[in-house]
Amino acid sequence: MLETINADLGASVWKVLVTAGDEVGPDTTVVVLESMKMEIPVLAEYAGAVIAVHVAEGATVQAGDPLVDIEEQ
């Protein structure tokens, strides 16, 4: 099953910690967003493989924008 992780709020992408092909576990931080000088980690909910990363460091995202696709294992 494909899981798309979306932004919960409008923010800047501070760090992208995964690339396509990476294996992640539940609660692995995949992206760190920055909003109002606060760092907000975005976590994978399931174990799986990263299929696609839709953002780059420095980009601005809005609530609901896709960040990372993970194929659940």
C-alpha atoms as a PDB file:
ATOM      1  CA  MET A   1       0.000   0.000   0.000  1.00  0.00           C
ATOM      2  CA  LEU A   2       1.296   3.461  -0.889  1.00  0.00           C
ATOM      3  CA  GLU A   3       1.378   6.049   1.894  1.00  0.00           C
ATOM      4  CA  THR A   4       1.725   9.706   0.946  1.00  0.00           C
ATOM      5  CA  ILE A   5       2.947  11.881   3.784  1.00  0.00           C
ATOM      6  CA  ASN A   6       1.504  15.391   3.492  1.00  0.00           C
ATOM      7  CA  ALA A   7       2.402  18.646   5.208  1.00  0.00           C
ATOM      8  CA  ASP A   8       0.176  19.426   8.199  1.00  0.00           C
ATOM      9  CA  LEU A   9       0.801  23.181   7.936  1.00  0.00           C
ATOM     10  CA  GLY A  10       2.347  25.852   5.789  1.00  0.00           C
ATOM     11  CA  ALA A  11       6.100  25.888   6.406  1.00  0.00           C
ATOM     12  CA  SER A  12       9.569  25.874   4.885  1.00  0.00           C
ATOM     13  CA  VAL A  13      11.322  22.587   4.231  1.00  0.00           C
ATOM     14  CA  TRP A  14      14.367  22.764   6.480  1.00  0.00           C
ATOM     15  CA  LYS A  15      15.807  19.271   5.920  1.00  0.00           C
ATOM     16  CA  VAL A  16      14.984  16.296   3.733  1.00  0.00           C
ATOM     17  CA  LEU A  17      16.369  13.206   5.461  1.00  0.00           C
ATOM     18  CA  VAL A  18      15.457  10.482   2.936  1.00  0.00           C
ATOM     19  CA  THR A  19      15.871   9.776  -0.765  1.00  0.00           C
ATOM     20  CA  ALA A  20      14.054   7.429  -3.121  1.00  0.00           C
ATOM     21  CA  GLY A  21      15.015   3.844  -2.343  1.00  0.00           C
ATOM     22  CA  ASP A  22      15.679   4.382   1.370  1.00  0.00           C
ATOM     23  CA  GLU A  23      14.104   1.979   3.844  1.00  0.00           C
ATOM     24  CA  VAL A  24      12.306   3.615   6.779  1.00  0.00           C
ATOM     25  CA  GLY A  25      10.688   2.311   9.932  1.00  0.00           C
ATOM     26  CA  PRO A  26       7.673   3.552  11.824  1.00  0.00           C
ATOM     27  CA  ASP A  27       8.392   6.909  13.454  1.00  0.00           C
ATOM     28  CA  THR A  28      11.423   7.578  11.229  1.00  0.00           C
ATOM     29  CA  THR A  29      11.805  11.307  10.600  1.00  0.00           C
ATOM     30  CA  VAL A  30      11.654  11.828   6.829  1.00  0.00           C
ATOM     31  CA  VAL A  31      11.456  15.632   6.593  1.00  0.00           C
ATOM     32  CA  VAL A  32      11.936  18.501   9.030  1.00  0.00           C
ATOM     33  CA  LEU A  33       9.753  21.556   8.448  1.00  0.00           C
ATOM     34  CA  GLU A  34      10.404  25.018   9.902  1.00  0.00           C
ATOM     35  CA  SER A  35       7.631  27.384  10.879  1.00  0.00           C
ATOM     36  CA  MET A  36       7.861  30.410  13.159  1.00  0.00           C
ATOM     37  CA  LYS A  37      11.451  29.389  14.089  1.00  0.00           C
ATOM     38  CA  MET A  38      10.249  25.980  15.302  1.00  0.00           C
ATOM     39  CA  GLU A  39      11.499  22.703  13.822  1.00  0.00           C
ATOM     40  CA  ILE A  40       8.684  20.250  13.126  1.00  0.00           C
ATOM     41  CA  PRO A  41       9.704  16.647  12.378  1.00  0.00           C
ATOM     42  CA  VAL A  42       7.503  14.763   9.918  1.00  0.00           C
ATOM     43  CA  LEU A  43       7.429  11.033  10.643  1.00  0.00           C
ATOM     44  CA  ALA A  44       6.684   7.902   8.632  1.00  0.00           C
ATOM     45  CA  GLU A  45       3.757   5.983  10.085  1.00  0.00           C
ATOM     46  CA  TYR A  46       4.755   2.574   8.690  1.00  0.00           C
ATOM     47  CA  ALA A  47       7.851   0.620   7.725  1.00  0.00           C
ATOM     48  CA  GLY A  48       8.531   0.668   4.013  1.00  0.00           C
ATOM     49  CA  ALA A  49      10.578   1.959   1.112  1.00  0.00           C
ATOM     50  CA  VAL A  50      10.669   5.584   0.001  1.00  0.00           C
ATOM     51  CA  ILE A  51       9.236   5.721  -3.517  1.00  0.00           C
ATOM     52  CA  ALA A  52       9.400   9.480  -4.147  1.00  0.00           C
ATOM     53  CA  VAL A  53      10.386  12.718  -2.439  1.00  0.00           C
ATOM     54  CA  HIS A  54       8.258  15.641  -3.627  1.00  0.00           C
ATOM     55  CA  VAL A  55      10.093  18.514  -1.911  1.00  0.00           C
ATOM     56  CA  ALA A  56      13.575  19.993  -1.703  1.00  0.00           C
ATOM     57  CA  GLU A  57      15.303  21.817   1.128  1.00  0.00           C
ATOM     58  CA  GLY A  58      14.361  25.487   1.125  1.00  0.00           C
ATOM     59  CA  ALA A  59      11.004  24.942  -0.581  1.00  0.00           C
ATOM     60  CA  THR A  60       7.803  26.355   0.873  1.00  0.00           C
ATOM     61  CA  VAL A  61       4.859  24.006   1.366  1.00  0.00           C
ATOM     62  CA  GLN A  62       1.216  24.535   2.227  1.00  0.00           C
ATOM     63  CA  ALA A  63      -1.004  22.334   4.379  1.00  0.00           C
ATOM     64  CA  GLY A  64      -1.881  19.208   2.410  1.00  0.00           C
ATOM     65  CA  ASP A  65       1.062  19.363   0.004  1.00  0.00           C
ATOM     66  CA  PRO A  66       2.678  15.934  -0.581  1.00  0.00           C
ATOM     67  CA  LEU A  67       6.138  15.504   0.930  1.00  0.00           C
ATOM     68  CA  VAL A  68       7.135  11.834   0.575  1.00  0.00           C
ATOM     69  CA  ASP A  69       5.607   8.619  -0.838  1.00  0.00           C
ATOM     70  CA  ILE A  70       6.350   5.377   1.028  1.00  0.00           C
ATOM     71  CA  GLU A  71       5.444   1.861  -0.148  1.00  0.00           C
ATOM     72  CA  GLU A  72       4.322   0.080   3.008  1.00  0.00           C
ATOM     73  CA  GLN A  73       5.889  -3.309   3.714  1.00  0.00           C
END
